[in-house]
Amino acid sequence: MTDTPPRPRPLAMSDIAALLGVSTNTVNAWRKRAAGAKQVEPLPPPAGKVATKTDYWWEDDIVEWARRTGRLKEA
């Protein structure tokens, strides 16, 4: 039997907010405000859409971005 690595978990904006302990408005602000900024690393682009309208991101990508940008509150 082969061990397969676990699949990354897809996250909606509300999931990102819960993971990082902020509001969904904050996540939306990170996404929109930083999109064209050169001094701020923007939220990664969505990995895709659910039902052609709701964006999702992979948890691994968000955790990596949050660590790099100092937004992940580690225990």
C-alpha atoms as a PDB file:
ATOM      1  CA  MET A   1       0.000   0.000   0.000  1.00  0.00           C
ATOM      2  CA  THR A   2       1.368   3.396  -0.941  1.00  0.00           C
ATOM      3  CA  ASP A   3       1.087   6.369   1.328  1.00  0.00           C
ATOM      4  CA  THR A   4      -0.363   9.254  -0.592  1.00  0.00           C
ATOM      5  CA  PRO A   5       0.194  12.736   0.750  1.00  0.00           C
ATOM      6  CA  PRO A   6      -2.929  14.440   2.027  1.00  0.00           C
ATOM      7  CA  ARG A   7      -4.609  16.776  -0.393  1.00  0.00           C
ATOM      8  CA  PRO A   8      -4.470  20.466   0.430  1.00  0.00           C
ATOM      9  CA  ARG A   9      -7.681  21.851   1.860  1.00  0.00           C
ATOM     10  CA  PRO A  10      -9.578  24.417  -0.230  1.00  0.00           C
ATOM     11  CA  LEU A  11     -10.427  27.613   1.655  1.00  0.00           C
ATOM     12  CA  ALA A  12     -13.063  30.254   1.019  1.00  0.00           C
ATOM     13  CA  MET A  13     -12.512  33.826   2.221  1.00  0.00           C
ATOM     14  CA  SER A  14     -14.403  33.030   5.431  1.00  0.00           C
ATOM     15  CA  ASP A  15     -12.094  30.045   6.047  1.00  0.00           C
ATOM     16  CA  ILE A  16      -9.012  32.239   5.550  1.00  0.00           C
ATOM     17  CA  ALA A  17     -10.446  34.741   8.025  1.00  0.00           C
ATOM     18  CA  ALA A  18     -11.060  32.014  10.621  1.00  0.00           C
ATOM     19  CA  LEU A  19      -7.596  30.500  10.082  1.00  0.00           C
ATOM     20  CA  LEU A  20      -5.865  33.860  10.568  1.00  0.00           C
ATOM     21  CA  GLY A  21      -8.176  35.202  13.281  1.00  0.00           C
ATOM     22  CA  VAL A  22      -9.441  38.194  11.310  1.00  0.00           C
ATOM     23  CA  SER A  23     -12.720  39.259   9.717  1.00  0.00           C
ATOM     24  CA  THR A  24     -13.676  38.459   6.147  1.00  0.00           C
ATOM     25  CA  ASN A  25     -13.599  42.226   5.529  1.00  0.00           C
ATOM     26  CA  THR A  26      -9.898  42.189   6.462  1.00  0.00           C
ATOM     27  CA  VAL A  27      -9.201  39.332   4.044  1.00  0.00           C
ATOM     28  CA  ASN A  28     -11.081  41.187   1.329  1.00  0.00           C
ATOM     29  CA  ALA A  29      -9.061  44.335   2.060  1.00  0.00           C
ATOM     30  CA  TRP A  30      -5.779  42.381   1.819  1.00  0.00           C
ATOM     31  CA  ARG A  31      -6.938  41.030  -1.497  1.00  0.00           C
ATOM     32  CA  LYS A  32      -8.090  44.322  -3.027  1.00  0.00           C
ATOM     33  CA  ARG A  33      -5.768  46.902  -1.468  1.00  0.00           C
ATOM     34  CA  ALA A  34      -2.571  44.948  -2.071  1.00  0.00           C
ATOM     35  CA  ALA A  35      -3.449  43.799  -5.587  1.00  0.00           C
ATOM     36  CA  GLY A  36      -1.570  46.670  -7.241  1.00  0.00           C
ATOM     37  CA  ALA A  37       0.780  47.651  -4.425  1.00  0.00           C
ATOM     38  CA  LYS A  38       4.496  47.120  -4.864  1.00  0.00           C
ATOM     39  CA  GLN A  39       5.415  47.406  -1.175  1.00  0.00           C
ATOM     40  CA  VAL A  40       2.877  44.820   0.032  1.00  0.00           C
ATOM     41  CA  GLU A  41       2.820  41.165  -0.980  1.00  0.00           C
ATOM     42  CA  PRO A  42      -0.730  40.538  -2.172  1.00  0.00           C
ATOM     43  CA  LEU A  43      -2.895  37.632  -1.159  1.00  0.00           C
ATOM     44  CA  PRO A  44      -2.155  34.806  -3.593  1.00  0.00           C
ATOM     45  CA  PRO A  45      -4.546  34.617  -6.526  1.00  0.00           C
ATOM     46  CA  PRO A  46      -7.410  32.168  -6.107  1.00  0.00           C
ATOM     47  CA  ALA A  47      -6.718  28.583  -7.132  1.00  0.00           C
ATOM     48  CA  GLY A  48     -10.102  28.391  -8.811  1.00  0.00           C
ATOM     49  CA  LYS A  49     -13.815  28.880  -8.437  1.00  0.00           C
ATOM     50  CA  VAL A  50     -16.620  26.778  -7.037  1.00  0.00           C
ATOM     51  CA  ALA A  51     -19.808  26.845  -9.096  1.00  0.00           C
ATOM     52  CA  THR A  52     -18.124  29.419 -11.382  1.00  0.00           C
ATOM     53  CA  LYS A  53     -18.469  32.274  -8.883  1.00  0.00           C
ATOM     54  CA  THR A  54     -16.959  31.578  -5.446  1.00  0.00           C
ATOM     55  CA  ASP A  55     -13.156  31.829  -5.264  1.00  0.00           C
ATOM     56  CA  TYR A  56     -11.109  29.329  -3.293  1.00  0.00           C
ATOM     57  CA  TRP A  57      -7.459  29.098  -2.255  1.00  0.00           C
ATOM     58  CA  TRP A  58      -5.352  26.125  -1.159  1.00  0.00           C
ATOM     59  CA  GLU A  59      -4.651  26.153   2.563  1.00  0.00           C
ATOM     60  CA  ASP A  60      -0.925  25.477   2.053  1.00  0.00           C
ATOM     61  CA  ASP A  61      -0.602  28.570  -0.173  1.00  0.00           C
ATOM     62  CA  ILE A  62      -2.391  30.783   2.355  1.00  0.00           C
ATOM     63  CA  VAL A  63      -0.366  29.500   5.327  1.00  0.00           C
ATOM     64  CA  GLU A  64       2.898  30.038   3.428  1.00  0.00           C
ATOM     65  CA  TRP A  65       1.832  33.575   2.414  1.00  0.00           C
ATOM     66  CA  ALA A  66       0.677  34.397   5.958  1.00  0.00           C
ATOM     67  CA  ARG A  67       4.026  33.259   7.399  1.00  0.00           C
ATOM     68  CA  ARG A  68       6.003  35.317   4.864  1.00  0.00           C
ATOM     69  CA  THR A  69       3.954  38.428   5.529  1.00  0.00           C
ATOM     70  CA  GLY A  70       3.761  38.096   9.317  1.00  0.00           C
ATOM     71  CA  ARG A  71       0.021  37.518   9.355  1.00  0.00           C
ATOM     72  CA  LEU A  72       0.098  33.996  10.825  1.00  0.00           C
ATOM     73  CA  LYS A  73      -0.181  33.936  14.594  1.00  0.00           C
ATOM     74  CA  GLU A  74       1.836  30.857  15.490  1.00  0.00           C
ATOM     75  CA  ALA A  75       1.263  29.161  18.832  1.00  0.00           C
END
